[in-house]
C-alpha cells in the first residue's frame, strides 16, 4: 500500500499540456502530446511539434530504483528486479503460478521498499519480505525458498568469512 495522495490540491492539467518539455527531434522546438498509451512499465506518447508540425513517438519508463542491497559479506550492490524475478520464477517451476504473478510479486516488493523510503536494505530483510509475499502467493514456493535460504532457527543462513555459502544451489534446468 502506498501513501494516500490527494490530487485535489493540484490544479487541473489542460488537455494537450505536457508536464515536462520534450523537444522536437527535427527542429528542437517544444511539442505537445496527441495520444498516450500505457503499458506495464512504459508509456508510449505520440507527439506533435508546435513549430514544424511533424509528429514523433516517445517512450517513457520509470527510472530504476536507487535501492542498494547490503550482502552478507558487507558488499553492496544495486537492487535488481531481474535477479529477484529469476529467483521467483525458479521457485515457481512446476507450480500453477503464472509468470505475471511472479513479476507482480517482485514489482510489489520493490514498490514496498521504495514506499518505505529505504535507501539500503540488507539481504536478510529482503529475504524476510520475499518469504512473506511468497507465503501469500504459494505456500510450496515459500517452503522451497525457506529450505534454501533460512536456517533451522528461521534466520537467513550466513557463512563465516572466507567460507563458501551454506545455501543450496537450485538446479537451473
Protein backbone atom coordinates (compact mmCIF):
# COMPACT_ATOMS: atom_id res chain seq x y z
CA UNK A 1 0.00 0.00 0.00
CA UNK A 2 1.36 3.38 -0.99
CA UNK A 3 0.88 6.69 0.69
CA UNK A 4 -2.53 8.30 0.39
CA UNK A 5 -2.06 11.11 -2.11
CA UNK A 6 -4.80 13.61 -2.80
CA UNK A 7 -4.66 15.28 -6.18
CA UNK A 8 -7.28 17.89 -5.30
CA UNK A 9 -4.63 20.36 -4.14
CA UNK A 10 -3.05 20.38 -7.62
CA UNK A 11 -4.69 22.39 -10.40
CA UNK A 12 -6.23 20.51 -13.30
CA UNK A 13 -3.88 19.92 -16.22
CA UNK A 14 -5.37 21.10 -19.51
CA UNK A 15 -5.58 18.56 -22.37
CA UNK A 16 -2.56 18.56 -24.68
CA UNK A 17 -0.33 20.05 -22.00
CA UNK A 18 2.87 18.24 -21.10
CA UNK A 19 4.37 18.47 -17.65
CA UNK A 20 7.92 18.41 -18.96
CA UNK A 21 9.04 19.93 -22.20
CA UNK A 22 10.07 17.44 -24.87
CA UNK A 23 11.98 18.91 -27.78
CA UNK A 24 11.21 18.02 -31.36
CA UNK A 25 13.97 15.79 -32.78
CA UNK A 26 13.70 17.63 -36.12
CA UNK A 27 13.76 21.32 -35.19
CA UNK A 28 14.32 21.42 -31.40
CA UNK A 29 11.08 23.26 -30.57
CA UNK A 30 8.56 22.27 -27.91
CA UNK A 31 5.95 19.61 -28.62
CA UNK A 32 2.52 18.61 -27.41
CA UNK A 33 1.06 15.19 -26.65
CA UNK A 34 -1.54 13.87 -29.09
CA UNK A 35 -2.03 10.40 -27.65
CA UNK A 36 -0.76 8.40 -24.65
CA UNK A 37 -0.89 4.64 -24.23
CA UNK A 38 0.31 2.99 -21.08
CA UNK A 39 1.88 -0.43 -20.86
CA UNK A 40 3.29 -2.45 -17.96
CA UNK A 41 6.46 -0.44 -17.48
CA UNK A 42 6.37 2.10 -20.30
CA UNK A 43 4.17 4.85 -21.65
CA UNK A 44 4.05 5.48 -25.39
CA UNK A 45 3.30 9.08 -26.33
CA UNK A 46 2.54 10.32 -29.81
CA UNK A 47 3.68 13.96 -30.05
CA UNK A 48 3.46 16.83 -32.49
CA UNK A 49 5.94 19.68 -32.78
CA UNK A 50 4.41 23.11 -32.18
CA UNK A 51 6.73 24.77 -34.73
CA UNK A 52 7.19 22.39 -37.68
CA UNK A 53 4.05 20.23 -37.08
CA UNK A 54 5.99 16.98 -37.55
CA UNK A 55 4.93 14.00 -35.48
CA UNK A 56 7.11 11.63 -33.49
CA UNK A 57 6.80 9.00 -30.77
CA UNK A 58 8.44 8.93 -27.36
CA UNK A 59 8.61 6.07 -24.87
CA UNK A 60 8.80 6.79 -21.16
CA UNK A 61 9.72 4.31 -18.46
CA UNK A 62 10.41 4.50 -14.77
CA UNK A 63 13.98 5.04 -13.73
CA UNK A 64 15.48 2.07 -11.91
CA UNK A 65 15.16 2.20 -8.16
CA UNK A 66 18.14 3.53 -6.26
CA UNK A 67 17.88 0.94 -3.51
CA UNK A 68 21.15 -0.74 -2.54
CA UNK A 69 21.27 -4.27 -1.15
CA UNK A 70 23.83 -4.96 1.58
CA UNK A 71 25.08 -8.52 1.14
CA UNK A 72 26.14 -10.83 3.99
CA UNK A 73 29.82 -10.05 3.41
CA UNK A 74 29.17 -6.30 3.70
CA UNK A 75 29.41 -5.58 -0.03
CA UNK A 76 26.61 -3.55 -1.59
CA UNK A 77 25.02 -3.85 -4.98
CA UNK A 78 22.08 -2.16 -6.69
CA UNK A 79 18.67 -3.77 -6.23
CA UNK A 80 17.98 -5.90 -9.30
CA UNK A 81 14.37 -6.62 -10.17
CA UNK A 82 15.53 -9.03 -12.88
CA UNK A 83 17.63 -11.06 -10.44
CA UNK A 84 14.75 -11.36 -7.99
CA UNK A 85 12.31 -12.23 -10.79
CA UNK A 86 14.60 -15.06 -11.94
CA UNK A 87 14.71 -16.42 -8.38
CA UNK A 88 10.92 -16.29 -8.01
CA UNK A 89 10.44 -17.96 -11.41
CA UNK A 90 12.82 -20.76 -10.37
CA UNK A 91 10.81 -21.22 -7.17
CA UNK A 92 7.61 -21.34 -9.25
CA UNK A 93 8.91 -24.05 -11.56
CA UNK A 94 6.35 -26.86 -11.95
CA UNK A 95 3.82 -24.86 -9.90
CA UNK A 96 0.47 -23.49 -11.12
CA UNK A 97 1.70 -19.91 -10.82
CA UNK A 98 1.67 -17.55 -13.80
CA UNK A 99 4.80 -15.64 -14.80
CA UNK A 100 2.75 -12.47 -14.47
CA UNK A 101 2.07 -13.31 -10.82
CA UNK A 102 5.81 -13.75 -10.24
CA UNK A 103 6.58 -10.42 -11.91
CA UNK A 104 3.80 -8.70 -9.95
CA UNK A 105 5.15 -10.13 -6.68
CA UNK A 106 8.62 -8.72 -7.38
CA UNK A 107 7.22 -5.39 -8.58
CA UNK A 108 5.13 -5.15 -5.40
CA UNK A 109 8.14 -5.95 -3.24
CA UNK A 110 10.18 -3.25 -4.95
CA UNK A 111 7.31 -0.77 -4.55
CA UNK A 112 7.10 -1.66 -0.84
CA UNK A 113 10.80 -0.88 -0.40
CA UNK A 114 10.52 2.40 -2.32
CA UNK A 115 7.39 3.44 -0.39
CA UNK A 116 9.18 2.70 2.89
CA UNK A 117 11.85 5.20 1.82
CA UNK A 118 14.68 2.73 2.25
CA UNK A 119 17.96 3.64 0.55
CA UNK A 120 19.63 0.40 1.65
CA UNK A 121 18.22 -2.95 2.65
CA UNK A 122 20.07 -6.00 3.91
CA UNK A 123 19.76 -9.28 2.07
CA UNK A 124 18.15 -10.81 5.18
CA UNK A 125 15.48 -8.06 5.29
CA UNK A 126 14.84 -8.64 1.60
CA UNK A 127 14.58 -12.41 2.19
CA UNK A 128 12.10 -11.90 5.05
CA UNK A 129 9.88 -9.65 2.93
CA UNK A 130 10.08 -12.04 -0.02
CA UNK A 131 9.22 -15.02 2.18
CA UNK A 132 6.08 -13.26 3.48
CA UNK A 133 4.94 -12.48 -0.07
CA UNK A 134 5.74 -15.99 -1.30
CA UNK A 135 3.63 -17.44 1.52
CA UNK A 136 0.64 -15.46 0.27
CA UNK A 137 1.20 -16.49 -3.36
CA UNK A 138 2.03 -20.18 -2.97
CA UNK A 139 2.96 -21.98 0.28
CA UNK A 140 5.16 -24.54 -1.51
CA UNK A 141 7.19 -21.76 -3.12
CA UNK A 142 7.69 -20.26 0.35
CA UNK A 143 8.85 -23.62 1.71
CA UNK A 144 11.27 -24.03 -1.21
CA UNK A 145 12.70 -20.60 -0.52
CA UNK A 146 12.88 -21.17 3.23
CA UNK A 147 14.62 -24.53 2.87
CA UNK A 148 17.31 -22.92 0.75
CA UNK A 149 17.82 -19.53 2.38
CA UNK A 150 16.78 -19.95 6.02
CA UNK A 151 18.47 -21.91 8.80
CA UNK A 152 16.68 -24.07 11.35
CA UNK A 153 16.23 -21.07 13.64
CA UNK A 154 14.36 -19.13 10.92
CA UNK A 155 17.11 -16.61 10.17
CA UNK A 156 18.90 -16.18 6.87
CA UNK A 157 21.83 -18.56 6.60
CA UNK A 158 25.20 -16.89 6.81
CA UNK A 159 28.66 -18.24 6.25
CA UNK A 160 31.74 -17.36 8.27
CA UNK A 161 34.10 -15.02 6.42
CA UNK A 162 36.17 -16.68 3.65
CA UNK A 163 33.87 -19.72 3.56
CA UNK A 164 31.53 -20.84 0.78
CA UNK A 165 27.85 -20.01 1.11
CA UNK A 166 25.79 -22.55 3.07
CA UNK A 167 22.90 -22.07 0.65
CA UNK A 168 21.91 -24.94 -1.57
CA UNK A 169 22.03 -24.37 -5.30
CA UNK A 170 18.79 -24.54 -7.24
CA UNK A 171 19.07 -26.64 -10.41
CA UNK A 172 18.84 -24.39 -13.46
CA UNK A 173 17.40 -26.91 -15.92
